[in-house]
Amino acid sequence: MTPGLIDAHVHLGLSSPIQPQFSFRLSAAELAADIFATADATLDAGFTTVRDTGGVDGGLVTTIAKGKVRGPRVLSCGPVQ
């Protein structure tokens, strides 16, 4: 058995295709669905903790921590300004 892996540099907030995301052609619900799917896939890949360097919304951290969606523990670096 391998212990849970840690990824120290992820961007969960960039889970959607870049062009539609930055041209505001995706709804908040679709962006959230893409982020949650990526978090789930990250956990399935064996990563139990990630450090998000892109500054995801604190709601993502809380939602995963409460068990509402599957995902690794997320340590957010705060918003990039």
Protein backbone atom coordinates (compact mmCIF):
# COMPACT_ATOMS: atom_id res chain seq x y z
CA MET A 1 0.00 0.00 0.00
CA THR A 2 1.08 3.53 -0.76
CA PRO A 3 0.25 6.30 1.70
CA GLY A 4 -1.79 9.23 0.45
CA LEU A 5 0.14 11.43 -1.92
CA ILE A 6 0.50 15.21 -1.64
CA ASP A 7 0.53 17.53 -4.65
CA ALA A 8 2.02 20.89 -3.67
CA HIS A 9 1.06 22.77 -6.85
CA VAL A 10 -2.41 22.41 -8.34
CA HIS A 11 -4.91 24.79 -9.93
CA LEU A 12 -8.34 23.31 -9.24
CA GLY A 13 -9.94 26.56 -10.38
CA LEU A 14 -8.62 25.95 -13.90
CA SER A 15 -10.51 22.69 -14.38
CA SER A 16 -12.63 24.02 -17.26
CA PRO A 17 -11.44 24.75 -20.80
CA ILE A 18 -9.49 28.02 -20.63
CA GLN A 19 -11.04 29.95 -23.53
CA PRO A 20 -14.72 29.53 -22.50
CA GLN A 21 -13.83 30.10 -18.84
CA PHE A 22 -12.04 33.39 -19.37
CA SER A 23 -14.52 34.68 -21.95
CA PHE A 24 -17.32 34.12 -19.39
CA ARG A 25 -19.21 31.59 -21.55
CA LEU A 26 -19.51 29.09 -18.69
CA SER A 27 -21.98 29.38 -15.83
CA ALA A 28 -20.87 29.27 -12.21
CA ALA A 29 -22.61 25.88 -11.90
CA GLU A 30 -20.64 24.43 -14.83
CA LEU A 31 -17.37 25.78 -13.45
CA ALA A 32 -18.16 24.26 -10.03
CA ALA A 33 -19.07 20.91 -11.63
CA ASP A 34 -15.73 20.85 -13.49
CA ILE A 35 -13.82 21.69 -10.30
CA PHE A 36 -15.65 18.99 -8.31
CA ALA A 37 -15.00 16.40 -11.05
CA THR A 38 -11.29 17.28 -11.03
CA ALA A 39 -11.16 17.06 -7.23
CA ASP A 40 -12.80 13.62 -7.39
CA ALA A 41 -10.34 12.43 -10.06
CA THR A 42 -7.43 13.79 -8.02
CA LEU A 43 -8.53 11.76 -5.02
CA ASP A 44 -8.96 8.66 -7.20
CA ALA A 45 -5.38 9.16 -8.44
CA GLY A 46 -4.14 8.76 -4.86
CA PHE A 47 -3.66 12.39 -3.83
CA THR A 48 -5.20 12.87 -0.39
CA THR A 49 -3.91 16.44 0.07
CA VAL A 50 -3.32 19.22 -2.46
CA ARG A 51 -2.04 22.77 -2.18
CA ASP A 52 -4.00 24.97 -4.55
CA THR A 53 -1.77 27.80 -5.72
CA GLY A 54 -4.46 29.47 -7.82
CA GLY A 55 -6.57 30.75 -4.95
CA VAL A 56 -9.77 28.72 -5.19
CA ASP A 57 -12.85 29.97 -3.41
CA GLY A 58 -12.93 29.04 0.27
CA GLY A 59 -16.30 27.45 -0.43
CA LEU A 60 -14.55 24.65 -2.30
CA VAL A 61 -12.32 23.90 0.68
CA THR A 62 -15.33 23.85 3.02
CA THR A 63 -17.52 21.80 0.68
CA ILE A 64 -14.90 19.06 0.39
CA ALA A 65 -14.07 19.19 4.12
CA LYS A 66 -17.76 18.73 5.00
CA GLY A 67 -17.95 15.68 2.73
CA LYS A 68 -20.54 17.17 0.38
CA VAL A 69 -18.33 16.25 -2.59
CA ARG A 70 -15.38 13.88 -2.88
CA GLY A 71 -11.95 15.36 -3.05
CA PRO A 72 -8.59 15.62 -1.34
CA ARG A 73 -7.94 17.94 1.57
CA VAL A 74 -7.30 21.33 -0.03
CA LEU A 75 -4.84 23.86 1.35
CA SER A 76 -5.56 27.11 -0.50
CA CYS A 77 -2.91 29.79 -0.90
CA GLY A 78 -5.56 32.51 -1.27
CA PRO A 79 -6.66 34.52 -4.29
CA VAL A 80 -4.14 35.62 -6.89
CA GLN A 81 -4.46 39.36 -7.46
